[in-house]
Amino acid sequence: MMTETNNTPANNAALAVTCKAALADSVAAYLAARAVAEVLRKEINGYKAQVLAEEVWMTESLGEDDPSVQITEPTYDWLMSTADFERYHPRVVALERAAGHDPALLDADKCPALVAESAQCEAEWAVVDGCGALLVSMGHAHGAALQGRPGMKTEDRQKVIDLACRMVLSK
């Protein structure tokens, strides 16, 4: 917490400059993480689509009211029956490895696209936190509400990120 002696216009201006620089770094990291996540998701979904096209893969049947159905889209592979998934997953992983995705860089069972999407999410929160810090440094009372990973809706978080990107990139 700032004391009366530190809460001068010069100190506040210096803090705002520091926060702006940190926010710019956060935005750059976010944009890089987003690019990697988008490229990897498209690539991994391509491998999954290739394997899905090779044979029929089914969901788990939960009874008469919920019969087993064929999975044709990578987005729904998580619904696959256990027996089918045990055959499907190694084939997808083999294609990932053949494309150069190094299992030493990931836990053996982690999807490269999910790892990248998780990193993107962390970078998004760093941008939101940075916006909060900048607002606090400028004396805005509500800036603290953006810090500390509040229960913010995804669309609201995306609005904050979009505004931060536009602000940083417009300079």
Foldseek 3Di string as FASTA:
>chain_A
DDDPVCPDPVNLVVQLVVLLVQLLVLLVQLVVLVVQLVVLVVVLQVLLLVLLVVDWWWFDAPDPVRGIDTDRGPVCCVRTDPVRCVVRQVSSVVVVVVVPDDCVVDPNRDRPSVVSVVSSVVSLLSNQQSQLSSCVSVPNPCSCVSHDDDPDDPVVSVVSSVVSNCVSVVD
